[in-house]
Protein backbone atom coordinates (compact mmCIF):
# COMPACT_ATOMS: atom_id res chain seq x y z
CA MET A 1 -11.65 -22.07 -8.24
CA ASN A 2 -13.14 -25.51 -7.60
CA ASP A 3 -16.20 -24.58 -5.54
CA VAL A 4 -17.02 -28.20 -4.64
CA LEU A 5 -13.57 -28.84 -3.19
CA CYS A 6 -13.52 -25.47 -1.43
CA GLY A 7 -16.79 -26.39 0.23
CA LEU A 8 -15.58 -29.88 1.13
CA ALA A 9 -12.49 -28.36 2.72
CA ALA A 10 -14.79 -26.57 5.19
CA ASN A 11 -17.11 -29.55 5.77
CA PRO A 12 -16.86 -30.53 9.46
CA ALA A 13 -17.94 -34.11 8.63
CA LEU A 14 -15.19 -34.69 6.07
CA PRO A 15 -13.43 -37.93 7.17
CA PHE A 16 -9.84 -37.65 8.36
CA GLU A 17 -8.40 -39.60 5.44
CA LEU A 18 -10.22 -37.36 2.96
CA VAL A 19 -8.78 -34.29 4.66
CA ASP A 20 -5.35 -35.80 3.98
CA ARG A 21 -6.23 -36.43 0.36
CA LEU A 22 -7.63 -32.95 -0.07
CA ILE A 23 -4.50 -31.37 1.40
CA ALA A 24 -2.43 -33.31 -1.13
CA VAL A 25 -4.31 -31.86 -4.12
CA ALA A 26 -5.30 -28.45 -2.75
CA ASP A 27 -4.64 -25.13 -4.45
CA ALA A 28 -4.47 -21.73 -2.71
CA ASP A 29 -8.26 -21.32 -2.54
CA ILE A 30 -8.78 -24.75 -1.01
CA ASP A 31 -5.87 -24.18 1.37
CA GLU A 32 -7.68 -21.13 2.75
CA SER A 33 -10.68 -23.24 3.75
CA LEU A 34 -8.52 -26.09 5.04
CA ALA A 35 -6.53 -23.75 7.28
CA ASP A 36 -9.75 -22.73 9.02
CA ARG A 37 -10.63 -26.31 10.05
CA ALA A 38 -10.79 -26.91 13.79
CA ASP A 39 -9.77 -30.59 13.54
CA LEU A 40 -6.41 -30.39 11.78
CA THR A 41 -3.71 -32.68 13.16
CA ARG A 42 -0.17 -31.45 13.71
CA GLU A 43 0.93 -33.26 10.56
CA GLN A 44 -1.82 -31.69 8.48
CA THR A 45 -1.03 -28.26 9.87
CA ALA A 46 2.64 -28.78 9.03
CA GLU A 47 1.81 -29.73 5.45
CA LEU A 48 -0.27 -26.61 4.93
CA ALA A 49 2.24 -24.28 6.60
CA ALA A 50 5.17 -25.65 4.61
CA ARG A 51 3.41 -25.37 1.26
CA ALA A 52 2.72 -21.62 1.27
CA GLU A 53 3.57 -18.75 3.56
CA GLU A 54 -0.01 -17.46 3.26
CA ASN A 55 -1.12 -20.69 4.94
CA ALA A 56 1.50 -20.32 7.65
CA VAL A 57 0.38 -16.75 8.37
CA ARG A 58 -3.27 -17.82 8.67
CA LEU A 59 -2.38 -20.76 10.92
CA ALA A 60 -0.16 -18.54 13.07
CA TYR A 61 -3.00 -16.11 13.71
CA ALA A 62 -5.26 -19.07 14.50
CA GLY A 63 -2.85 -20.20 17.22
CA LEU A 64 -1.99 -23.47 15.46
CA LEU A 65 1.74 -22.78 15.07
CA THR A 66 4.50 -22.15 17.59
CA ALA A 67 7.93 -20.58 17.29
CA ALA A 68 9.42 -24.06 16.84
CA ASP A 69 7.38 -24.49 13.66
CA ILE A 70 8.62 -21.42 11.77
CA ASP A 71 11.92 -20.43 10.20
CA PRO A 72 11.87 -16.59 10.36
CA VAL A 73 14.26 -16.32 7.41
CA ALA A 74 12.25 -18.60 5.13
CA GLN A 75 8.82 -17.38 6.28
CA PRO A 76 9.24 -13.86 7.70
CA ARG A 77 5.55 -12.91 7.43
CA ALA A 78 4.54 -15.96 9.45
CA ALA A 79 7.20 -15.14 12.04
CA LEU A 80 5.90 -11.58 12.31
CA ALA A 81 2.38 -12.93 12.71
CA LEU A 82 3.55 -15.00 15.67
CA LEU A 83 5.25 -11.95 17.16
CA GLU A 84 1.98 -10.04 16.81
CA GLU A 85 0.31 -12.85 18.74
CA ARG A 86 3.06 -12.77 21.43
CA SER A 87 4.09 -16.30 20.40
CA GLY A 88 7.31 -15.50 18.57
CA ALA A 89 10.85 -15.87 19.88
CA PRO A 90 12.51 -12.72 21.33
CA GLU A 91 15.51 -13.21 19.05
CA TRP A 92 13.19 -12.88 16.04
CA ALA A 93 12.39 -9.32 17.13
CA ARG A 94 16.10 -8.49 17.14
CA LEU A 95 16.50 -10.13 13.74
CA PHE A 96 13.70 -8.08 12.18
CA ALA A 97 14.81 -4.84 13.87
CA GLY A 98 17.86 -5.00 11.59
CA ASP A 99 16.04 -6.27 8.52
CA PRO A 100 16.84 -4.25 5.37
CA ASP A 101 13.13 -4.35 4.45
CA ALA A 102 11.55 -1.26 6.07
CA GLY A 103 8.10 -2.80 5.68
CA ARG A 104 9.08 -5.67 7.97
CA ARG A 105 10.58 -3.29 10.51
CA GLU A 106 7.33 -1.30 10.39
CA ARG A 107 5.28 -4.44 11.05
CA LEU A 108 7.61 -5.36 13.90
CA ALA A 109 7.11 -1.92 15.46
CA ALA A 110 3.39 -2.66 15.85
CA CYS A 111 4.01 -5.91 17.76
CA PRO A 112 3.22 -5.92 21.49
CA GLY A 113 5.68 -6.83 24.20
CA LEU A 114 8.87 -6.02 22.30
CA PRO A 115 12.13 -6.27 24.28
CA ALA A 116 13.43 -2.90 25.50
CA ASP A 117 16.52 -3.05 23.29
CA VAL A 118 14.37 -3.67 20.21
CA ARG A 119 12.20 -0.65 21.05
CA GLU A 120 15.34 1.46 21.31
CA THR A 121 16.55 0.26 17.92
CA LEU A 122 13.21 0.98 16.28
CA ALA A 123 12.95 4.42 17.91
CA ALA A 124 16.23 5.34 16.20
CA ASP A 125 15.24 3.85 12.83
CA PRO A 126 16.18 6.03 9.85
CA ASP A 127 12.75 5.48 8.26
CA VAL A 128 10.14 7.73 9.88
CA ARG A 129 7.38 5.23 9.01
CA VAL A 130 8.97 2.70 11.37
CA VAL A 131 9.27 5.21 14.22
CA THR A 132 5.69 6.35 13.61
CA GLU A 133 4.37 2.80 13.84
CA LEU A 134 6.27 2.31 17.09
CA ALA A 135 4.77 5.52 18.45
CA TRP A 136 1.24 4.24 17.84
CA TRP A 137 1.64 1.21 20.11
CA THR A 138 4.64 1.64 22.38
CA THR A 139 4.94 1.85 26.15
CA PRO A 140 4.27 5.02 28.20
CA ASP A 141 7.95 5.80 28.77
CA MET A 142 8.87 5.43 25.11
CA ALA A 143 5.80 7.42 24.05
CA ALA A 144 6.88 10.25 26.34
CA ARG A 145 10.29 10.29 24.67
CA LEU A 146 8.87 10.15 21.14
CA ALA A 147 6.61 13.12 21.92
CA ARG A 148 9.78 15.20 21.54
CA HIS A 149 10.62 13.70 18.16
CA PRO A 150 11.30 16.40 15.54
CA HIS A 151 8.95 14.80 13.00
CA ALA A 152 5.25 15.76 13.14
CA GLU A 153 4.17 12.35 11.85
CA VAL A 154 5.71 10.66 14.89
CA ARG A 155 4.10 13.12 17.28
CA GLN A 156 0.61 12.62 15.84
CA ALA A 157 1.03 8.87 16.38
CA VAL A 158 2.05 9.51 20.00
CA ALA A 159 -1.11 11.61 20.38
CA ALA A 160 -3.20 8.61 19.28
CA ASN A 161 -1.50 6.14 21.64
CA GLU A 162 -3.72 5.53 24.68
CA ALA A 163 -0.66 4.52 26.69
CA THR A 164 0.83 8.00 26.35
CA PRO A 165 0.84 9.70 29.78
CA PRO A 166 -1.93 12.33 30.14
CA GLU A 167 0.51 15.12 30.91
CA VAL A 168 2.42 14.33 27.72
CA LEU A 169 -0.79 14.38 25.69
CA ALA A 170 -1.58 17.80 27.15
CA MET A 171 1.87 19.02 26.09
CA LEU A 172 1.29 17.76 22.56
CA VAL A 173 -1.97 19.73 22.40
CA THR A 174 -0.55 22.97 23.76
CA GLY A 175 3.01 22.63 22.51
CA GLU A 176 4.27 23.85 25.87
CA GLY A 177 7.44 22.16 27.07
CA LEU A 178 8.23 20.56 23.71
CA PRO A 179 10.75 21.63 21.07
CA PRO A 180 9.21 22.88 17.81
CA VAL A 181 8.33 20.38 15.09
CA GLU A 182 10.94 20.44 12.34
CA ARG A 183 9.56 18.20 9.59
CA CYS A 184 6.49 16.47 8.20
CA LEU A 185 5.88 14.03 5.36
CA VAL A 186 4.97 16.90 3.02
CA CYS A 187 8.13 18.97 3.43
CA ASP A 188 10.20 15.77 3.45
CA ARG A 189 9.21 15.30 -0.19
CA GLU A 190 8.09 18.62 -1.67
CA GLU A 191 9.17 22.24 -1.76
CA THR A 192 6.92 24.32 0.46
CA PRO A 193 4.39 25.81 0.38
CA PHE A 194 2.70 22.72 -1.04
CA THR A 195 -0.82 21.26 -0.96
CA HIS A 196 -1.34 17.73 -2.15
CA ASP A 197 -3.94 17.50 -4.89
CA PRO A 198 -6.71 15.06 -3.79
CA GLY A 199 -6.77 13.85 -7.40
CA CYS A 200 -3.00 13.42 -7.62
CA PRO A 201 -2.21 11.26 -10.67
CA ARG A 202 1.24 10.12 -9.50
CA LEU A 203 1.25 6.38 -8.88
CA ASP A 204 4.27 6.59 -6.57
CA CYS A 205 2.75 9.27 -4.31
CA ASP A 206 1.45 8.15 -0.92
CA LEU A 207 0.83 11.55 0.68
CA ARG A 208 -2.60 11.77 2.29
CA SER A 209 -5.33 13.58 0.39
CA GLY A 210 -5.20 17.29 1.14
CA ALA A 211 -1.87 17.07 3.02
CA SER A 212 -0.23 20.49 3.11
CA CYS A 213 2.73 22.35 4.53
CA ASP A 214 3.61 26.03 4.36
CA GLY A 215 6.49 25.59 6.77
CA SER A 216 4.23 25.13 9.80
CA HIS A 217 3.37 21.47 8.95
CA GLU A 218 -0.27 22.49 9.30
CA SER A 219 -2.09 19.40 8.03
CA THR A 220 -0.13 17.03 10.28
CA VAL A 221 -0.51 19.38 13.25
CA HIS A 222 -4.26 19.36 12.58
CA GLU A 223 -4.18 15.55 12.55
CA LEU A 224 -2.26 15.58 15.83
CA ALA A 225 -5.02 17.65 17.42
CA GLN A 226 -7.65 15.26 16.06
CA ARG A 227 -5.78 12.25 17.46
CA ALA A 228 -5.50 13.89 20.87
CA LEU A 229 -9.19 14.78 20.89
CA GLU A 230 -10.08 11.17 20.10
CA ASN A 231 -7.70 9.75 22.72
CA PRO A 232 -9.61 9.07 25.97
CA ALA A 233 -6.38 9.53 27.94
CA THR A 234 -6.07 13.21 26.96
CA PRO A 235 -7.19 15.49 29.82
CA VAL A 236 -10.41 17.27 28.89
CA GLU A 237 -9.09 20.54 30.31
CA ALA A 238 -6.35 20.60 27.69
CA LEU A 239 -8.90 20.22 24.91
CA LEU A 240 -11.35 23.00 25.76
CA ARG A 241 -9.34 25.44 23.61
CA PHE A 242 -10.88 23.73 20.56
CA ALA A 243 -14.43 24.92 21.36
CA ASP A 244 -13.84 27.99 19.16
CA HIS A 245 -11.38 26.45 16.71
CA PRO A 246 -12.01 27.33 13.04
CA SER A 247 -12.00 23.63 12.14
CA ALA A 248 -15.50 22.15 12.44
CA LEU A 249 -13.93 18.68 12.49
CA LEU A 250 -11.97 19.48 15.65
CA ARG A 251 -14.98 21.12 17.29
CA ALA A 252 -16.99 17.98 16.49
CA ARG A 253 -14.35 15.77 18.08
CA LEU A 254 -14.49 17.96 21.19
CA ALA A 255 -18.28 17.78 21.24
CA ALA A 256 -18.10 13.99 21.43
CA ARG A 257 -15.78 14.01 24.46
CA PRO A 258 -17.37 12.75 27.69
CA GLY A 259 -16.98 14.99 30.71
CA LEU A 260 -17.31 18.38 29.03
CA PRO A 261 -17.98 21.26 31.44
CA PRO A 262 -21.64 22.41 31.17
CA ARG A 263 -20.62 25.84 29.84
CA THR A 264 -18.59 24.28 27.02
CA ALA A 265 -21.40 21.88 26.13
CA ALA A 266 -23.88 24.78 26.08
CA ARG A 267 -21.58 26.75 23.78
CA LEU A 268 -21.24 23.79 21.39
CA ALA A 269 -25.03 23.35 21.39
CA GLY A 270 -25.15 26.68 19.58
CA ASP A 271 -22.39 25.84 17.10
CA THR A 272 -23.04 26.92 13.51
CA ASP A 273 -22.15 23.48 12.14
CA PRO A 274 -24.88 20.80 12.49
CA GLY A 275 -22.23 18.06 12.47
CA VAL A 276 -20.80 19.49 15.69
CA ARG A 277 -24.25 19.61 17.29
CA ALA A 278 -24.99 16.03 16.17
CA GLU A 279 -21.79 14.83 17.83
CA LEU A 280 -22.78 16.66 20.99
CA ALA A 281 -26.20 14.98 20.86
CA GLY A 282 -24.45 11.62 21.09
CA ASN A 283 -22.28 12.63 24.05
CA PRO A 284 -23.44 10.44 26.98
CA THR A 285 -22.50 13.03 29.63
CA ILE A 286 -24.42 16.12 28.46
CA ASP A 287 -27.00 17.34 30.96
CA ASP A 288 -30.77 17.69 30.74
CA ALA A 289 -30.63 21.36 29.78
CA VAL A 290 -28.44 20.71 26.74
CA ILE A 291 -30.57 17.70 25.75
CA ARG A 292 -33.69 19.88 25.72
CA VAL A 293 -31.98 22.53 23.61
CA LEU A 294 -30.87 19.92 21.07
CA ALA A 295 -34.34 18.32 21.01
CA ASP A 296 -35.59 21.30 19.02
CA ASP A 297 -32.60 21.34 16.67
CA ARG A 298 -33.62 20.47 13.10
CA GLY A 299 -30.01 20.25 11.94
CA HIS A 300 -28.97 17.13 10.05
CA ASP A 301 -28.90 14.06 12.33
CA VAL A 302 -29.12 16.05 15.59
CA GLN A 303 -32.54 14.79 16.67
CA ARG A 304 -31.96 11.28 15.34
CA THR A 305 -28.69 11.01 17.32
CA LEU A 306 -30.32 12.47 20.42
CA ALA A 307 -33.00 9.77 20.31
CA HIS A 308 -30.23 7.22 20.94
CA HIS A 309 -28.94 9.11 24.00
CA PRO A 310 -29.06 6.89 27.10
CA CYS A 311 -30.39 9.69 29.34
CA VAL A 312 -32.92 11.42 27.11
CA PRO A 313 -36.11 12.09 29.12
CA LEU A 314 -39.07 10.06 27.91
CA ASP A 315 -41.13 13.16 27.17
CA VAL A 316 -38.32 14.41 24.95
CA LEU A 317 -38.00 11.00 23.31
CA SER A 318 -41.71 11.07 22.51
CA ARG A 319 -41.25 14.42 20.73
CA LEU A 320 -38.23 13.09 18.85
CA ALA A 321 -40.13 9.98 17.76
CA ALA A 322 -42.72 12.26 16.18
CA ALA A 323 -40.08 14.45 14.52
CA VAL A 324 -37.72 11.88 12.94
CA ARG A 325 -37.99 8.34 11.64
CA ILE A 326 -36.25 6.14 14.21
CA GLY A 327 -37.30 2.68 13.04
CA PRO A 328 -37.54 -0.57 15.00
CA THR A 329 -34.47 -0.58 17.22
CA LEU A 330 -33.89 -0.95 20.95
CA LEU A 331 -32.98 2.56 22.09
CA PRO A 332 -30.70 2.81 25.16
CA ARG A 333 -33.23 4.90 27.08
CA ILE A 334 -35.99 2.34 26.41
CA ALA A 335 -33.66 -0.50 27.47
CA ARG A 336 -33.10 1.13 30.87
CA ALA A 337 -36.70 2.20 31.46
CA SER A 338 -37.99 1.39 34.95
CA PRO A 339 -40.97 -0.95 35.54
CA SER A 340 -43.29 2.03 36.03
CA GLU A 341 -41.99 3.66 32.85
CA VAL A 342 -42.48 0.40 30.94
CA GLU A 343 -46.09 0.28 32.13
CA HIS A 344 -46.60 3.90 31.07
CA LEU A 345 -45.02 3.32 27.64
CA SER A 346 -47.17 0.27 27.00
CA ARG A 347 -50.26 2.49 27.26
CA SER A 348 -48.87 5.31 25.13
CA PRO A 349 -51.33 6.63 22.53
CA ASP A 350 -48.39 6.91 20.12
CA PRO A 351 -47.83 3.58 18.30
CA VAL A 352 -44.19 4.55 17.66
CA MET A 353 -43.49 4.64 21.40
CA ARG A 354 -45.24 1.27 21.82
CA MET A 355 -43.13 -0.08 18.95
CA LEU A 356 -39.93 1.13 20.61
CA LEU A 357 -40.95 -0.55 23.88
CA ALA A 358 -41.79 -3.75 21.97
CA GLU A 359 -38.14 -4.03 20.94
CA ARG A 360 -37.29 -5.12 24.49
CA ARG A 361 -37.03 -8.87 25.07
CA ASP A 362 -37.57 -8.86 28.86
CA LEU A 363 -41.08 -7.49 29.15
CA PRO A 364 -43.54 -8.75 31.76
CA ALA A 365 -45.92 -11.33 30.32
CA GLY A 366 -48.97 -9.09 30.58
CA ILE A 367 -47.35 -6.20 28.72
CA ARG A 368 -45.84 -8.57 26.15
CA ASP A 369 -49.25 -10.12 25.45
CA ALA A 370 -50.94 -6.71 25.19
CA LEU A 371 -48.40 -5.58 22.63
CA ALA A 372 -48.81 -8.86 20.72
CA ALA A 373 -52.50 -8.01 20.35
CA ASP A 374 -51.80 -4.40 19.35
CA PRO A 375 -53.77 -3.21 16.30
CA ASP A 376 -50.72 -1.50 14.79
CA ALA A 377 -48.57 -3.74 12.54
CA LYS A 378 -45.28 -2.04 13.43
CA VAL A 379 -45.85 -2.73 17.12
CA VAL A 380 -46.65 -6.38 16.41
CA LYS A 381 -43.62 -6.66 14.12
CA SER A 382 -41.35 -5.49 16.95
CA ILE A 383 -42.85 -7.75 19.62
CA ALA A 384 -43.05 -10.86 17.39
CA PRO A 385 -39.53 -12.19 18.25
CA HIS A 386 -40.16 -11.83 22.02
CA PRO A 387 -39.63 -15.13 23.91
CA GLY A 388 -42.65 -16.68 25.59
CA LEU A 389 -45.27 -15.99 22.94
CA SER A 390 -47.54 -18.97 22.30
CA GLU A 391 -48.06 -20.58 18.91
CA ALA A 392 -51.62 -19.29 18.94
CA GLN A 393 -50.37 -15.74 19.42
CA LEU A 394 -47.81 -16.09 16.63
CA ARG A 395 -50.39 -17.51 14.24
CA SER A 396 -52.78 -14.73 15.15
CA MET A 397 -50.13 -12.17 14.23
CA LEU A 398 -49.74 -13.79 10.82
CA GLU A 399 -53.48 -13.88 10.23
CA ARG A 400 -53.84 -10.18 11.08
CA HIS A 401 -50.72 -8.74 9.46
CA GLY A 402 -49.38 -11.33 6.99
CA VAL A 403 -46.05 -10.66 5.30
CA HIS A 404 -45.49 -7.51 7.37
CA VAL A 405 -44.68 -9.64 10.43
CA ALA A 406 -43.73 -12.98 8.83
CA ALA A 407 -39.95 -12.62 9.13
CA MET A 408 -40.15 -11.60 12.78
CA VAL A 409 -42.48 -14.49 13.58
CA ALA A 410 -40.01 -16.83 11.86
CA GLY A 411 -37.29 -15.48 14.14
CA ASN A 412 -39.19 -16.12 17.35
CA PRO A 413 -37.25 -18.74 19.37
CA ASP A 414 -40.52 -20.45 20.34
CA ALA A 415 -41.86 -20.82 16.79
CA SER A 416 -42.51 -24.53 16.28
CA PRO A 417 -41.21 -26.52 13.29
CA ALA A 418 -44.81 -26.94 12.17
CA LEU A 419 -45.34 -23.19 12.21
CA LEU A 420 -42.11 -22.70 10.25
CA GLU A 421 -43.32 -25.18 7.63
CA ASP A 422 -46.63 -23.37 7.29
CA LEU A 423 -44.84 -20.04 7.11
CA SER A 424 -42.50 -21.29 4.38
CA GLY A 425 -45.54 -21.89 2.20
CA HIS A 426 -47.09 -18.48 2.83
CA VAL A 427 -48.84 -16.91 -0.16
CA PRO A 428 -47.55 -14.53 -1.29
CA PRO A 429 -44.02 -15.78 -0.49
CA ALA A 430 -42.26 -13.90 2.31
CA GLY A 431 -38.62 -13.73 1.23
CA LYS A 432 -37.30 -12.33 4.51
CA ALA A 433 -39.14 -15.06 6.41
CA LEU A 434 -37.60 -17.75 4.19
CA ARG A 435 -34.14 -16.39 4.90
CA GLU A 436 -34.89 -16.40 8.62
CA ILE A 437 -36.17 -19.99 8.45
CA ALA A 438 -33.08 -21.13 6.54
CA ARG A 439 -30.90 -19.89 9.42
CA ARG A 440 -32.80 -21.80 12.10
CA ARG A 441 -31.28 -25.02 13.40
CA ASP A 442 -34.75 -26.52 13.96
CA ALA A 443 -35.99 -25.91 10.41
CA THR A 444 -37.38 -29.08 8.82
CA GLY A 445 -36.64 -30.54 5.42
CA PRO A 446 -39.94 -29.42 3.86
CA ALA A 447 -39.45 -25.87 5.11
CA LEU A 448 -35.91 -25.80 3.76
CA LEU A 449 -37.06 -27.04 0.36
CA ALA A 450 -39.33 -24.01 0.17
CA CYS A 451 -36.39 -21.78 1.16
CA LEU A 452 -34.44 -22.98 -1.87
CA ALA A 453 -36.89 -21.08 -4.07
CA ASP A 454 -35.67 -17.75 -2.70
CA ARG A 455 -32.43 -16.53 -4.28
CA ARG A 456 -31.03 -15.11 -1.05
CA ALA A 457 -32.23 -17.93 1.21
CA ARG A 458 -30.93 -20.63 -1.17
CA PRO A 459 -27.22 -20.53 -0.17
CA VAL A 460 -28.14 -20.62 3.52
CA ALA A 461 -30.59 -23.50 3.09
CA ALA A 462 -28.06 -25.41 0.98
CA GLY A 463 -25.80 -25.70 4.01
CA HIS A 464 -28.50 -26.76 6.48
CA PRO A 465 -28.00 -30.31 7.85
CA SER A 466 -31.74 -31.04 7.77
CA LEU A 467 -31.91 -30.72 4.01
CA PRO A 468 -32.45 -34.17 2.40
CA PRO A 469 -29.11 -35.72 1.29
CA GLN A 470 -30.25 -36.26 -2.30
CA VAL A 471 -31.19 -32.57 -2.54
CA ILE A 472 -27.80 -31.56 -1.17
CA ALA A 473 -26.10 -33.72 -3.78
CA GLY A 474 -28.12 -32.10 -6.54
CA LEU A 475 -27.12 -28.61 -5.40
CA LEU A 476 -23.47 -29.40 -6.14
CA ALA A 477 -24.31 -28.63 -9.78
CA ASP A 478 -26.08 -25.34 -9.01
CA ASP A 479 -25.36 -22.24 -11.09
CA ASP A 480 -24.61 -20.18 -7.97
CA TRP A 481 -21.11 -20.81 -6.60
CA GLN A 482 -22.25 -19.87 -3.08
CA VAL A 483 -24.90 -22.58 -3.21
CA VAL A 484 -22.34 -25.11 -4.47
CA GLN A 485 -19.87 -24.32 -1.69
CA ALA A 486 -22.60 -24.39 0.97
CA ALA A 487 -23.87 -27.77 -0.24
CA ALA A 488 -20.35 -29.22 -0.34
CA ALA A 489 -19.77 -27.97 3.21
CA ASN A 490 -23.04 -29.47 4.43
CA PRO A 491 -22.27 -32.15 7.07
CA SER A 492 -25.24 -34.21 5.80
CA LEU A 493 -23.60 -34.71 2.43
CA PRO A 494 -23.23 -38.51 2.07
CA SER A 495 -19.71 -39.66 2.92
CA ALA A 496 -19.67 -41.97 -0.10
CA LEU A 497 -20.21 -38.96 -2.34
CA MET A 498 -17.44 -37.09 -0.52
CA GLU A 499 -15.16 -40.01 -1.34
CA GLU A 500 -16.03 -39.71 -5.03
CA LEU A 501 -15.53 -35.96 -5.12
CA VAL A 502 -12.04 -35.77 -3.58
CA PRO A 503 -9.36 -36.65 -6.18
CA PRO A 504 -6.75 -39.24 -5.23
CA ALA A 505 -3.41 -37.99 -3.94
CA PRO A 506 -0.61 -37.65 -6.53
CA ALA A 507 1.20 -40.95 -7.11
CA ASP A 508 4.61 -39.35 -6.46
CA GLY A 509 3.53 -38.34 -2.96
CA SER A 510 4.78 -34.80 -3.57
CA HIS A 511 2.27 -33.36 -1.11
CA SER A 512 2.40 -36.06 1.54
CA ALA A 513 2.05 -34.81 5.08
CA ARG A 514 5.25 -33.85 6.86
CA THR A 515 6.04 -33.97 10.52
CA MET A 516 5.78 -30.59 12.22
CA GLY A 517 9.11 -28.82 12.49
CA GLY A 518 10.94 -31.27 10.29
């Protein structure tokens, strides 16, 4: 890979004529960067698309190609990409529905907006993988029909499809009103009873780990139940049967479902598996009684998950903050705290609660300033990025708490370029702060030079337009390929140097730009 040319290919300041020259000499790696440019002309796009189907696929997804630009026979993957984007021609769908390559038919089945006759053809496909893919994405009427398909793999895909009618999803869960399942992927390929070894050494085997069938297609039926539990269109009433299911995975999926009846939620709060209780703790519709039961649950991740619940009472949250390490994050309950609750939290004797409040970015000025002067470093670290803090306040934070708050001060939108320069020279060096400075559009050249000394900040700083041009040029010979690419992509790279770096087009004109579509 030529890292300099790959970087140049992404440089937004690369002159038009150099883009042409680069297209003429590009390899696959450079093509990838060129295809992502926002300023390609139709001719340049045509050149890239014609040279490699990978380019055409990327350009199709980017919306830079139309059906008139692609021959579906010569570039089938690009044509399928356009169909996925609803930009392909309807006749292409009919062409691929009869394609001998099952993989292409499978990709077609996932495309939205297929003509009705194409859906019918795919629903009758002899390869169950094609029918299964159709079942994942198809329309409500077709999903209802495929729910009666004899293959369990198709039915579990119908159970995952959010367009499947609720009454059909309920039938899939209960089995009532549907003919029995006749086959699954396991009994299609193996004599039953059979359980697939998770460490199966066969290279040609694509059965899922742990897949099994004793004649009842049990592993796929289990997956069907899981899909239905995860599908928001499945009626909750049809799922309550899983509250006592022997599978902890299915009970956990039920516990996460919004709208559980209080009695079911209370029963799951006493489940023997902590994973089930942790899922319940994250359920946004559980009531106060269940929340208070779970608040005392020391099971793995139960209390930590409950702390992120949008309706957890503040007194419960205070207990949770003392019981588990939450860290500096804006909790949903803190984000929706009322003005009176914000005032109360700001005066909390617990620095963790003050820290959690300090993660908000819409605090009244008085509360913001009080938290900025807090004696606890973790509170100051959380409030440091808050808009509206003065330079004097930010400098005071640095004087009191040093590297502990440096990165957050560097991320404050009101930090001045002069403050960033001073921060970049902090002793001892603050690596996280240097990386934050390197990402700022208003960072100055001197600050960026200091960022180059940090291994992780160096690639970011190398691409910053405020870096001196001679420094950018020198970074083209750096040992780190990421630094080289970032420097080559830097719009402040001198255009004369760009001219020197891009090789001339081949004399035979073999890669000269073609007109789109011809």
